[in-house]
Amino acid sequence: MSTRVVGESRRSSRVPLQILITLLSLDEPLTCEGETITVNRHGALISSSVPLRIDMKIAIHVVLSKRRALAKVVYVDPERPRVCGIALEEPENIWGVSFPPDDWYKDSHES
């Protein structure tokens, strides 16, 4: 079991990127459109067309590249409930960033 310390650096650098995505809930009958705000190897901050809830399991489909991945909603902005943080089940460059930061290539399980 590990805990994250406030102020600890992120597991991978964020990249501002706006791309269209489709979200499909694996928990309930829900499909909606969305857009990324910032992305990293481990997830993204997104804006969805409907509010999502924390711990919701979703499938992400990147419209332009047709790439897909499983994820979980890990954060919902209390002031803007359609802005959410998601964590990818498997860290990867699903977003199609052409020149990702160096830390996107490192193993995220370092001590």
PDB file of N, CA and C in Angstrom:
ATOM      1  N   MET A   1       0.842  -1.176   0.000  1.00  0.00           N
ATOM      2  CA  MET A   1       0.000   0.000   0.000  1.00  0.00           C
ATOM      3  C   MET A   1       0.889   1.241   0.000  1.00  0.00           C
ATOM      4  N   SER A   2       0.594   2.173  -0.875  1.00  0.00           N
ATOM      5  CA  SER A   2       1.402   3.380  -0.924  1.00  0.00           C
ATOM      6  C   SER A   2       0.512   4.602  -0.803  1.00  0.00           C
ATOM      7  N   THR A   3       1.061   5.651  -0.268  1.00  0.00           N
ATOM      8  CA  THR A   3       0.330   6.905  -0.178  1.00  0.00           C
ATOM      9  C   THR A   3       1.132   7.973  -0.883  1.00  0.00           C
ATOM     10  N   ARG A   4       0.443   8.928  -1.455  1.00  0.00           N
ATOM     11  CA  ARG A   4       1.119  10.028  -2.145  1.00  0.00           C
ATOM     12  C   ARG A   4       1.196  11.212  -1.199  1.00  0.00           C
ATOM     13  N   VAL A   5       2.346  11.832  -1.178  1.00  0.00           N
ATOM     14  CA  VAL A   5       2.588  12.982  -0.320  1.00  0.00           C
ATOM     15  C   VAL A   5       2.178  14.239  -1.078  1.00  0.00           C
ATOM     16  N   VAL A   6       1.497  15.162  -0.396  1.00  0.00           N
ATOM     17  CA  VAL A   6       1.119  16.420  -1.017  1.00  0.00           C
ATOM     18  C   VAL A   6       2.380  17.112  -1.503  1.00  0.00           C
ATOM     19  N   GLY A   7       2.350  17.594  -2.748  1.00  0.00           N
ATOM     20  CA  GLY A   7       3.513  18.254  -3.315  1.00  0.00           C
ATOM     21  C   GLY A   7       4.445  17.296  -4.042  1.00  0.00           C
ATOM     22  N   GLU A   8       4.177  15.981  -3.957  1.00  0.00           N
ATOM     23  CA  GLU A   8       4.989  15.001  -4.660  1.00  0.00           C
ATOM     24  C   GLU A   8       4.811  15.211  -6.161  1.00  0.00           C
ATOM     25  N   SER A   9       5.875  15.004  -6.915  1.00  0.00           N
ATOM     26  CA  SER A   9       5.783  15.212  -8.353  1.00  0.00           C
ATOM     27  C   SER A   9       4.895  14.150  -8.995  1.00  0.00           C
ATOM     28  N   ARG A  10       4.332  14.506 -10.132  1.00  0.00           N
ATOM     29  CA  ARG A  10       3.452  13.599 -10.853  1.00  0.00           C
ATOM     30  C   ARG A  10       4.243  12.428 -11.411  1.00  0.00           C
ATOM     31  N   ARG A  11       3.535  11.352 -11.695  1.00  0.00           N
ATOM     32  CA  ARG A  11       4.186  10.170 -12.262  1.00  0.00           C
ATOM     33  C   ARG A  11       4.648  10.415 -13.686  1.00  0.00           C
ATOM     34  N   SER A  12       3.979  11.313 -14.403  1.00  0.00           N
ATOM     35  CA  SER A  12       4.411  11.693 -15.748  1.00  0.00           C
ATOM     36  C   SER A  12       3.942  13.118 -16.028  1.00  0.00           C
ATOM     37  N   SER A  13       4.717  13.805 -16.847  1.00  0.00           N
ATOM     38  CA  SER A  13       4.445  15.219 -17.136  1.00  0.00           C
ATOM     39  C   SER A  13       3.128  15.402 -17.874  1.00  0.00           C
ATOM     40  N   ARG A  14       2.466  16.502 -17.549  1.00  0.00           N
ATOM     41  CA  ARG A  14       1.228  16.866 -18.232  1.00  0.00           C
ATOM     42  C   ARG A  14       1.549  17.599 -19.524  1.00  0.00           C
ATOM     43  N   VAL A  15       0.713  17.368 -20.520  1.00  0.00           N
ATOM     44  CA  VAL A  15       0.840  18.052 -21.803  1.00  0.00           C
ATOM     45  C   VAL A  15      -0.527  18.637 -22.120  1.00  0.00           C
ATOM     46  N   PRO A  16      -0.620  19.955 -22.350  1.00  0.00           N
ATOM     47  CA  PRO A  16      -1.916  20.529 -22.737  1.00  0.00           C
ATOM     48  C   PRO A  16      -2.285  20.015 -24.133  1.00  0.00           C
ATOM     49  N   LEU A  17      -3.449  19.418 -24.256  1.00  0.00           N
ATOM     50  CA  LEU A  17      -3.866  18.849 -25.538  1.00  0.00           C
ATOM     51  C   LEU A  17      -5.378  18.738 -25.567  1.00  0.00           C
ATOM     52  N   GLN A  18      -5.987  19.331 -26.568  1.00  0.00           N
ATOM     53  CA  GLN A  18      -7.435  19.244 -26.725  1.00  0.00           C
ATOM     54  C   GLN A  18      -7.753  18.327 -27.888  1.00  0.00           C
ATOM     55  N   ILE A  19      -8.286  17.141 -27.546  1.00  0.00           N
ATOM     56  CA  ILE A  19      -8.716  16.193 -28.572  1.00  0.00           C
ATOM     57  C   ILE A  19     -10.084  15.652 -28.201  1.00  0.00           C
ATOM     58  N   LEU A  20     -10.874  15.331 -29.205  1.00  0.00           N
ATOM     59  CA  LEU A  20     -12.208  14.795 -28.977  1.00  0.00           C
ATOM     60  C   LEU A  20     -12.129  13.339 -28.552  1.00  0.00           C
ATOM     61  N   ILE A  21     -12.951  12.992 -27.558  1.00  0.00           N
ATOM     62  CA  ILE A  21     -13.023  11.621 -27.070  1.00  0.00           C
ATOM     63  C   ILE A  21     -14.486  11.224 -26.905  1.00  0.00           C
ATOM     64  N   THR A  22     -14.714   9.930 -26.904  1.00  0.00           N
ATOM     65  CA  THR A  22     -16.014   9.374 -26.553  1.00  0.00           C
ATOM     66  C   THR A  22     -15.800   8.530 -25.299  1.00  0.00           C
ATOM     67  N   LEU A  23     -16.716   8.653 -24.348  1.00  0.00           N
ATOM     68  CA  LEU A  23     -16.633   7.919 -23.086  1.00  0.00           C
ATOM     69  C   LEU A  23     -17.790   6.940 -23.008  1.00  0.00           C
ATOM     70  N   LEU A  24     -17.499   5.724 -22.605  1.00  0.00           N
ATOM     71  CA  LEU A  24     -18.520   4.704 -22.417  1.00  0.00           C
ATOM     72  C   LEU A  24     -18.384   4.171 -20.999  1.00  0.00           C
ATOM     73  N   SER A  25     -19.428   4.320 -20.200  1.00  0.00           N
ATOM     74  CA  SER A  25     -19.392   3.804 -18.833  1.00  0.00           C
ATOM     75  C   SER A  25     -19.472   2.284 -18.863  1.00  0.00           C
ATOM     76  N   LEU A  26     -18.654   1.636 -18.054  1.00  0.00           N
ATOM     77  CA  LEU A  26     -18.704   0.187 -17.919  1.00  0.00           C
ATOM     78  C   LEU A  26     -19.580  -0.209 -16.743  1.00  0.00           C
ATOM     79  N   ASP A  27     -20.051   0.785 -15.978  1.00  0.00           N
ATOM     80  CA  ASP A  27     -20.858   0.547 -14.785  1.00  0.00           C
ATOM     81  C   ASP A  27     -22.352   0.715 -15.019  1.00  0.00           C
ATOM     82  N   GLU A  28     -22.710   1.514 -16.001  1.00  0.00           N
ATOM     83  CA  GLU A  28     -24.110   1.850 -16.240  1.00  0.00           C
ATOM     84  C   GLU A  28     -24.293   2.221 -17.704  1.00  0.00           C
ATOM     85  N   PRO A  29     -25.507   2.258 -18.204  1.00  0.00           N
ATOM     86  CA  PRO A  29     -25.712   2.609 -19.614  1.00  0.00           C
ATOM     87  C   PRO A  29     -25.513   4.108 -19.853  1.00  0.00           C
ATOM     88  N   LEU A  30     -24.299   4.481 -20.225  1.00  0.00           N
ATOM     89  CA  LEU A  30     -23.979   5.885 -20.460  1.00  0.00           C
ATOM     90  C   LEU A  30     -22.879   5.977 -21.500  1.00  0.00           C
ATOM     91  N   THR A  31     -23.133   6.762 -22.521  1.00  0.00           N
ATOM     92  CA  THR A  31     -22.132   7.108 -23.527  1.00  0.00           C
ATOM     93  C   THR A  31     -22.212   8.606 -23.712  1.00  0.00           C
ATOM     94  N   CYS A  32     -21.057   9.269 -23.759  1.00  0.00           N
ATOM     95  CA  CYS A  32     -21.071  10.719 -23.959  1.00  0.00           C
ATOM     96  C   CYS A  32     -19.814  11.160 -24.688  1.00  0.00           C
ATOM     97  N   GLU A  33     -19.873  12.377 -25.166  1.00  0.00           N
ATOM     98  CA  GLU A  33     -18.740  12.989 -25.847  1.00  0.00           C
ATOM     99  C   GLU A  33     -17.940  13.786 -24.826  1.00  0.00           C
ATOM    100  N   GLY A  34     -16.689  14.044 -25.152  1.00  0.00           N
ATOM    101  CA  GLY A  34     -15.852  14.847 -24.280  1.00  0.00           C
ATOM    102  C   GLY A  34     -14.648  15.363 -25.022  1.00  0.00           C
ATOM    103  N   GLU A  35     -13.775  16.020 -24.258  1.00  0.00           N
ATOM    104  CA  GLU A  35     -12.563  16.590 -24.817  1.00  0.00           C
ATOM    105  C   GLU A  35     -11.507  16.594 -23.730  1.00  0.00           C
ATOM    106  N   THR A  36     -10.274  16.299 -24.110  1.00  0.00           N
ATOM    107  CA  THR A  36      -9.192  16.375 -23.133  1.00  0.00           C
ATOM    108  C   THR A  36      -8.802  17.834 -22.923  1.00  0.00           C
ATOM    109  N   ILE A  37      -8.285  18.119 -21.745  1.00  0.00           N
ATOM    110  CA  ILE A  37      -7.761  19.453 -21.412  1.00  0.00           C
ATOM    111  C   ILE A  37      -6.246  19.352 -21.301  1.00  0.00           C
ATOM    112  N   THR A  38      -5.780  18.429 -20.462  1.00  0.00           N
ATOM    113  CA  THR A  38      -4.362  18.081 -20.382  1.00  0.00           C
ATOM    114  C   THR A  38      -4.275  16.567 -20.317  1.00  0.00           C
ATOM    115  N   VAL A  39      -3.181  16.024 -20.818  1.00  0.00           N
ATOM    116  CA  VAL A  39      -3.003  14.573 -20.822  1.00  0.00           C
ATOM    117  C   VAL A  39      -1.633  14.236 -20.249  1.00  0.00           C
ATOM    118  N   ASN A  40      -1.501  13.014 -19.777  1.00  0.00           N
ATOM    119  CA  ASN A  40      -0.191  12.460 -19.448  1.00  0.00           C
ATOM    120  C   ASN A  40      -0.245  10.967 -19.696  1.00  0.00           C
ATOM    121  N   ARG A  41       0.859  10.298 -19.459  1.00  0.00           N
ATOM    122  CA  ARG A  41       0.940   8.860 -19.739  1.00  0.00           C
ATOM    123  C   ARG A  41      -0.024   8.060 -18.862  1.00  0.00           C
ATOM    124  N   HIS A  42      -0.403   8.607 -17.726  1.00  0.00           N
ATOM    125  CA  HIS A  42      -1.221   7.886 -16.758  1.00  0.00           C
ATOM    126  C   HIS A  42      -2.692   8.273 -16.776  1.00  0.00           C
ATOM    127  N   GLY A  43      -3.066   9.304 -17.545  1.00  0.00           N
ATOM    128  CA  GLY A  43      -4.464   9.721 -17.553  1.00  0.00           C
ATOM    129  C   GLY A  43      -4.645  11.077 -18.197  1.00  0.00           C
ATOM    130  N   ALA A  44      -5.678  11.779 -17.742  1.00  0.00           N
ATOM    131  CA  ALA A  44      -5.979  13.084 -18.340  1.00  0.00           C
ATOM    132  C   ALA A  44      -6.954  13.853 -17.467  1.00  0.00           C
ATOM    133  N   LEU A  45      -6.990  15.146 -17.709  1.00  0.00           N
ATOM    134  CA  LEU A  45      -8.054  16.006 -17.199  1.00  0.00           C
ATOM    135  C   LEU A  45      -8.956  16.216 -18.406  1.00  0.00           C
ATOM    136  N   ILE A  46     -10.237  15.903 -18.250  1.00  0.00           N
ATOM    137  CA  ILE A  46     -11.160  15.961 -19.376  1.00  0.00           C
ATOM    138  C   ILE A  46     -12.381  16.806 -19.044  1.00  0.00           C
ATOM    139  N   SER A  47     -13.079  17.192 -20.071  1.00  0.00           N
ATOM    140  CA  SER A  47     -14.383  17.835 -19.946  1.00  0.00           C
ATOM    141  C   SER A  47     -15.358  16.925 -20.676  1.00  0.00           C
ATOM    142  N   SER A  48     -16.419  16.509 -20.001  1.00  0.00           N
ATOM    143  CA  SER A  48     -17.395  15.616 -20.626  1.00  0.00           C
ATOM    144  C   SER A  48     -18.727  16.339 -20.807  1.00  0.00           C
ATOM    145  N   SER A  49     -19.554  15.810 -21.698  1.00  0.00           N
ATOM    146  CA  SER A  49     -20.840  16.452 -21.975  1.00  0.00           C
ATOM    147  C   SER A  49     -21.857  16.220 -20.862  1.00  0.00           C
ATOM    148  N   VAL A  50     -21.597  15.259 -19.995  1.00  0.00           N
ATOM    149  CA  VAL A  50     -22.451  15.002 -18.827  1.00  0.00           C
ATOM    150  C   VAL A  50     -21.553  14.808 -17.606  1.00  0.00           C
ATOM    151  N   PRO A  51     -22.064  15.101 -16.409  1.00  0.00           N
ATOM    152  CA  PRO A  51     -21.248  14.872 -15.204  1.00  0.00           C
ATOM    153  C   PRO A  51     -20.953  13.379 -15.008  1.00  0.00           C
ATOM    154  N   LEU A  52     -19.739  13.076 -14.582  1.00  0.00           N
ATOM    155  CA  LEU A  52     -19.351  11.710 -14.260  1.00  0.00           C
ATOM    156  C   LEU A  52     -19.156  11.626 -12.755  1.00  0.00           C
ATOM    157  N   ARG A  53     -18.969  10.433 -12.239  1.00  0.00           N
ATOM    158  CA  ARG A  53     -18.778  10.300 -10.798  1.00  0.00           C
ATOM    159  C   ARG A  53     -17.466   9.590 -10.493  1.00  0.00           C
ATOM    160  N   ILE A  54     -16.901   9.901  -9.339  1.00  0.00           N
ATOM    161  CA  ILE A  54     -15.652   9.281  -8.906  1.00  0.00           C
ATOM    162  C   ILE A  54     -15.840   7.771  -8.820  1.00  0.00           C
ATOM    163  N   ASP A  55     -14.810   7.044  -9.225  1.00  0.00           N
ATOM    164  CA  ASP A  55     -14.747   5.577  -9.259  1.00  0.00           C
ATOM    165  C   ASP A  55     -15.516   4.959 -10.425  1.00  0.00           C
ATOM    166  N   MET A  56     -16.123   5.765 -11.290  1.00  0.00           N
ATOM    167  CA  MET A  56     -16.803   5.225 -12.472  1.00  0.00           C
ATOM    168  C   MET A  56     -15.746   4.620 -13.401  1.00  0.00           C
ATOM    169  N   LYS A  57     -15.977   3.387 -13.833  1.00  0.00           N
ATOM    170  CA  LYS A  57     -15.086   2.737 -14.785  1.00  0.00           C
ATOM    171  C   LYS A  57     -15.584   3.066 -16.187  1.00  0.00           C
ATOM    172  N   ILE A  58     -14.640   3.503 -17.041  1.00  0.00           N
ATOM    173  CA  ILE A  58     -15.019   3.953 -18.376  1.00  0.00           C
ATOM    174  C   ILE A  58     -14.066   3.393 -19.433  1.00  0.00           C
ATOM    175  N   ALA A  59     -14.563   3.363 -20.643  1.00  0.00           N
ATOM    176  CA  ALA A  59     -13.727   3.089 -21.813  1.00  0.00           C
ATOM    177  C   ALA A  59     -13.595   4.411 -22.550  1.00  0.00           C
ATOM    178  N   ILE A  60     -12.373   4.759 -22.902  1.00  0.00           N
ATOM    179  CA  ILE A  60     -12.076   6.002 -23.622  1.00  0.00           C
ATOM    180  C   ILE A  60     -11.812   5.647 -25.077  1.00  0.00           C
ATOM    181  N   HIS A  61     -12.392   6.398 -25.976  1.00  0.00           N
ATOM    182  CA  HIS A  61     -12.125   6.238 -27.409  1.00  0.00           C
ATOM    183  C   HIS A  61     -11.654   7.584 -27.939  1.00  0.00           C
ATOM    184  N   VAL A  62     -10.415   7.637 -28.427  1.00  0.00           N
ATOM    185  CA  VAL A  62      -9.879   8.853 -29.021  1.00  0.00           C
ATOM    186  C   VAL A  62     -10.396   8.885 -30.462  1.00  0.00           C
ATOM    187  N   VAL A  63     -11.237   9.870 -30.766  1.00  0.00           N
ATOM    188  CA  VAL A  63     -11.952   9.911 -32.038  1.00  0.00           C
ATOM    189  C   VAL A  63     -11.005   9.937 -33.234  1.00  0.00           C
ATOM    190  N   LEU A  64     -10.024  10.826 -33.244  1.00  0.00           N
ATOM    191  CA  LEU A  64      -9.155  11.001 -34.404  1.00  0.00           C
ATOM    192  C   LEU A  64      -8.288   9.776 -34.688  1.00  0.00           C
ATOM    193  N   SER A  65      -7.658   9.230 -33.651  1.00  0.00           N
ATOM    194  CA  SER A  65      -6.729   8.110 -33.848  1.00  0.00           C
ATOM    195  C   SER A  65      -7.400   6.742 -33.745  1.00  0.00           C
ATOM    196  N   LYS A  66      -8.626   6.717 -33.245  1.00  0.00           N
ATOM    197  CA  LYS A  66      -9.375   5.477 -33.012  1.00  0.00           C
ATOM    198  C   LYS A  66      -8.740   4.592 -31.930  1.00  0.00           C
ATOM    199  N   ARG A  67      -7.851   5.153 -31.117  1.00  0.00           N
ATOM    200  CA  ARG A  67      -7.253   4.390 -30.017  1.00  0.00           C
ATOM    201  C   ARG A  67      -8.247   4.285 -28.880  1.00  0.00           C
ATOM    202  N   ARG A  68      -8.135   3.198 -28.123  1.00  0.00           N
ATOM    203  CA  ARG A  68      -9.051   2.938 -27.009  1.00  0.00           C
ATOM    204  C   ARG A  68      -8.259   2.509 -25.779  1.00  0.00           C
ATOM    205  N   ALA A  69      -8.844   2.778 -24.602  1.00  0.00           N
ATOM    206  CA  ALA A  69      -8.226   2.347 -23.349  1.00  0.00           C
ATOM    207  C   ALA A  69      -9.285   2.326 -22.255  1.00  0.00           C
ATOM    208  N   LEU A  70      -9.028   1.542 -21.228  1.00  0.00           N
ATOM    209  CA  LEU A  70      -9.890   1.517 -20.051  1.00  0.00           C
ATOM    210  C   LEU A  70      -9.345   2.493 -19.024  1.00  0.00           C
ATOM    211  N   ALA A  71     -10.247   3.118 -18.271  1.00  0.00           N
ATOM    212  CA  ALA A  71      -9.837   4.124 -17.284  1.00  0.00           C
ATOM    213  C   ALA A  71     -10.847   4.168 -16.151  1.00  0.00           C
ATOM    214  N   LYS A  72     -10.523   4.976 -15.155  1.00  0.00           N
ATOM    215  CA  LYS A  72     -11.408   5.187 -14.011  1.00  0.00           C
ATOM    216  C   LYS A  72     -11.418   6.667 -13.682  1.00  0.00           C
ATOM    217  N   VAL A  73     -12.573   7.188 -13.331  1.00  0.00           N
ATOM    218  CA  VAL A  73     -12.686   8.585 -12.908  1.00  0.00           C
ATOM    219  C   VAL A  73     -12.130   8.676 -11.487  1.00  0.00           C
ATOM    220  N   VAL A  74     -11.124   9.530 -11.312  1.00  0.00           N
ATOM    221  CA  VAL A  74     -10.476   9.652  -9.998  1.00  0.00           C
ATOM    222  C   VAL A  74     -10.697  11.013  -9.359  1.00  0.00           C
ATOM    223  N   TYR A  75     -11.252  11.960 -10.121  1.00  0.00           N
ATOM    224  CA  TYR A  75     -11.473  13.308  -9.598  1.00  0.00           C
ATOM    225  C   TYR A  75     -12.628  13.945 -10.356  1.00  0.00           C
ATOM    226  N   VAL A  76     -13.480  14.647  -9.630  1.00  0.00           N
ATOM    227  CA  VAL A  76     -14.536  15.464 -10.226  1.00  0.00           C
ATOM    228  C   VAL A  76     -14.426  16.845  -9.600  1.00  0.00           C
ATOM    229  N   ASP A  77     -14.304  17.869 -10.433  1.00  0.00           N
ATOM    230  CA  ASP A  77     -14.182  19.244  -9.951  1.00  0.00           C
ATOM    231  C   ASP A  77     -15.497  19.649  -9.282  1.00  0.00           C
ATOM    232  N   PRO A  78     -15.485  19.998  -7.994  1.00  0.00           N
ATOM    233  CA  PRO A  78     -16.731  20.337  -7.304  1.00  0.00           C
ATOM    234  C   PRO A  78     -17.417  21.581  -7.877  1.00  0.00           C
ATOM    235  N   GLU A  79     -16.651  22.484  -8.455  1.00  0.00           N
ATOM    236  CA  GLU A  79     -17.236  23.702  -9.034  1.00  0.00           C
ATOM    237  C   GLU A  79     -17.728  23.481 -10.463  1.00  0.00           C
ATOM    238  N   ARG A  80     -17.116  22.537 -11.155  1.00  0.00           N
ATOM    239  CA  ARG A  80     -17.469  22.229 -12.550  1.00  0.00           C
ATOM    240  C   ARG A  80     -17.571  20.717 -12.682  1.00  0.00           C
ATOM    241  N   PRO A  81     -18.722  20.121 -12.360  1.00  0.00           N
ATOM    242  CA  PRO A  81     -18.838  18.661 -12.292  1.00  0.00           C
ATOM    243  C   PRO A  81     -18.623  17.922 -13.610  1.00  0.00           C
ATOM    244  N   ARG A  82     -18.539  18.642 -14.718  1.00  0.00           N
ATOM    245  CA  ARG A  82     -18.241  17.961 -15.986  1.00  0.00           C
ATOM    246  C   ARG A  82     -16.747  17.948 -16.295  1.00  0.00           C
ATOM    247  N   VAL A  83     -15.932  18.509 -15.391  1.00  0.00           N
ATOM    248  CA  VAL A  83     -14.473  18.455 -15.525  1.00  0.00           C
ATOM    249  C   VAL A  83     -13.973  17.374 -14.571  1.00  0.00           C
ATOM    250  N   CYS A  84     -13.300  16.364 -15.140  1.00  0.00           N
ATOM    251  CA  CYS A  84     -12.913  15.188 -14.366  1.00  0.00           C
ATOM    252  C   CYS A  84     -11.474  14.791 -14.645  1.00  0.00           C
ATOM    253  N   GLY A  85     -10.868  14.175 -13.652  1.00  0.00           N
ATOM    254  CA  GLY A  85      -9.570  13.549 -13.825  1.00  0.00           C
ATOM    255  C   GLY A  85      -9.769  12.064 -14.004  1.00  0.00           C
ATOM    256  N   ILE A  86      -9.094  11.489 -14.977  1.00  0.00           N
ATOM    257  CA  ILE A  86      -9.203  10.047 -15.196  1.00  0.00           C
ATOM    258  C   ILE A  86      -7.821   9.411 -15.122  1.00  0.00           C
ATOM    259  N   ALA A  87      -7.778   8.166 -14.662  1.00  0.00           N
ATOM    260  CA  ALA A  87      -6.542   7.388 -14.603  1.00  0.00           C
ATOM    261  C   ALA A  87      -6.691   6.208 -15.547  1.00  0.00           C
ATOM    262  N   LEU A  88      -5.733   6.061 -16.458  1.00  0.00           N
ATOM    263  CA  LEU A  88      -5.756   4.929 -17.372  1.00  0.00           C
ATOM    264  C   LEU A  88      -5.434   3.649 -16.615  1.00  0.00           C
ATOM    265  N   GLU A  89      -6.080   2.564 -16.984  1.00  0.00           N
ATOM    266  CA  GLU A  89      -5.808   1.275 -16.354  1.00  0.00           C
ATOM    267  C   GLU A  89      -4.360   0.850 -16.617  1.00  0.00           C
ATOM    268  N   GLU A  90      -3.885   1.066 -17.827  1.00  0.00           N
ATOM    269  CA  GLU A  90      -2.501   0.780 -18.205  1.00  0.00           C
ATOM    270  C   GLU A  90      -1.887   2.068 -18.744  1.00  0.00           C
ATOM    271  N   PRO A  91      -0.839   2.596 -18.110  1.00  0.00           N
ATOM    272  CA  PRO A  91      -0.220   3.832 -18.608  1.00  0.00           C
ATOM    273  C   PRO A  91       0.263   3.666 -20.047  1.00  0.00           C
ATOM    274  N   GLU A  92      -0.152   4.600 -20.905  1.00  0.00           N
ATOM    275  CA  GLU A  92       0.272   4.560 -22.302  1.00  0.00           C
ATOM    276  C   GLU A  92      -0.034   5.896 -22.971  1.00  0.00           C
ATOM    277  N   ASN A  93       0.533   6.091 -24.130  1.00  0.00           N
ATOM    278  CA  ASN A  93       0.296   7.305 -24.897  1.00  0.00           C
ATOM    279  C   ASN A  93      -0.897   7.079 -25.836  1.00  0.00           C
ATOM    280  N   ILE A  94      -2.056   6.855 -25.260  1.00  0.00           N
ATOM    281  CA  ILE A  94      -3.281   6.700 -26.048  1.00  0.00           C
ATOM    282  C   ILE A  94      -3.601   7.983 -26.812  1.00  0.00           C
ATOM    283  N   TRP A  95      -3.087   9.093 -26.331  1.00  0.00           N
ATOM    284  CA  TRP A  95      -3.443  10.416 -26.861  1.00  0.00           C
ATOM    285  C   TRP A  95      -2.771  10.730 -28.188  1.00  0.00           C
ATOM    286  N   GLY A  96      -1.740   9.981 -28.543  1.00  0.00           N
ATOM    287  CA  GLY A  96      -1.060  10.221 -29.806  1.00  0.00           C
ATOM    288  C   GLY A  96      -0.122  11.410 -29.787  1.00  0.00           C
ATOM    289  N   VAL A  97       0.426  11.748 -28.613  1.00  0.00           N
ATOM    290  CA  VAL A  97       1.373  12.856 -28.517  1.00  0.00           C
ATOM    291  C   VAL A  97       2.631  12.457 -29.301  1.00  0.00           C
ATOM    292  N   SER A  98       2.979  13.237 -30.328  1.00  0.00           N
ATOM    293  CA  SER A  98       4.086  12.903 -31.228  1.00  0.00           C
ATOM    294  C   SER A  98       5.445  12.897 -30.543  1.00  0.00           C
ATOM    295  N   PHE A  99       5.680  13.879 -29.692  1.00  0.00           N
ATOM    296  CA  PHE A  99       6.964  13.988 -28.995  1.00  0.00           C
ATOM    297  C   PHE A  99       6.699  14.060 -27.503  1.00  0.00           C
ATOM    298  N   PRO A 100       6.379  12.912 -26.878  1.00  0.00           N
ATOM    299  CA  PRO A 100       6.059  12.930 -25.448  1.00  0.00           C
ATOM    300  C   PRO A 100       7.279  13.263 -24.596  1.00  0.00           C
ATOM    301  N   PRO A 101       7.049  13.818 -23.390  1.00  0.00           N
ATOM    302  CA  PRO A 101       8.154  14.093 -22.469  1.00  0.00           C
ATOM    303  C   PRO A 101       8.920  12.809 -22.144  1.00  0.00           C
ATOM    304  N   ASP A 102      10.182  12.955 -21.788  1.00  0.00           N
ATOM    305  CA  ASP A 102      11.023  11.799 -21.485  1.00  0.00           C
ATOM    306  C   ASP A 102      10.433  10.896 -20.410  1.00  0.00           C
ATOM    307  N   ASP A 103       9.771  11.487 -19.409  1.00  0.00           N
ATOM    308  CA  ASP A 103       9.262  10.654 -18.308  1.00  0.00           C
ATOM    309  C   ASP A 103       8.059   9.797 -18.716  1.00  0.00           C
ATOM    310  N   TRP A 104       7.569   9.946 -19.925  1.00  0.00           N
ATOM    311  CA  TRP A 104       6.498   9.065 -20.403  1.00  0.00           C
ATOM    312  C   TRP A 104       7.052   7.693 -20.761  1.00  0.00           C
ATOM    313  N   TYR A 105       8.378   7.576 -20.865  1.00  0.00           N
ATOM    314  CA  TYR A 105       8.997   6.309 -21.226  1.00  0.00           C
ATOM    315  C   TYR A 105       9.458   5.520 -20.013  1.00  0.00           C
ATOM    316  N   LYS A 106       9.557   6.179 -18.850  1.00  0.00           N
ATOM    317  CA  LYS A 106      10.060   5.531 -17.643  1.00  0.00           C
ATOM    318  C   LYS A 106       9.006   4.636 -17.011  1.00  0.00           C
ATOM    319  N   ASP A 107       9.466   3.658 -16.246  1.00  0.00           N
ATOM    320  CA  ASP A 107       8.566   2.818 -15.461  1.00  0.00           C
ATOM    321  C   ASP A 107       8.013   3.657 -14.335  1.00  0.00           C
ATOM    322  N   SER A 108       6.698   3.669 -14.189  1.00  0.00           N
ATOM    323  CA  SER A 108       6.057   4.517 -13.174  1.00  0.00           C
ATOM    324  C   SER A 108       6.100   3.914 -11.768  1.00  0.00           C
ATOM    325  N   HIS A 109       6.687   2.741 -11.609  1.00  0.00           N
ATOM    326  CA  HIS A 109       6.673   2.091 -10.299  1.00  0.00           C
ATOM    327  C   HIS A 109       8.001   2.252  -9.558  1.00  0.00           C
ATOM    328  N   GLU A 110       8.717   3.334  -9.845  1.00  0.00           N
ATOM    329  CA  GLU A 110       9.969   3.577  -9.165  1.00  0.00           C
ATOM    330  C   GLU A 110       9.717   4.017  -7.727  1.00  0.00           C
ATOM    331  N   SER A 111      10.637   3.751  -6.856  1.00  0.00           N
ATOM    332  CA  SER A 111      10.491   4.137  -5.447  1.00  0.00           C
ATOM    333  C   SER A 111      10.844   5.577  -5.250  1.00  0.00           C
TER     334      SER A 111
END
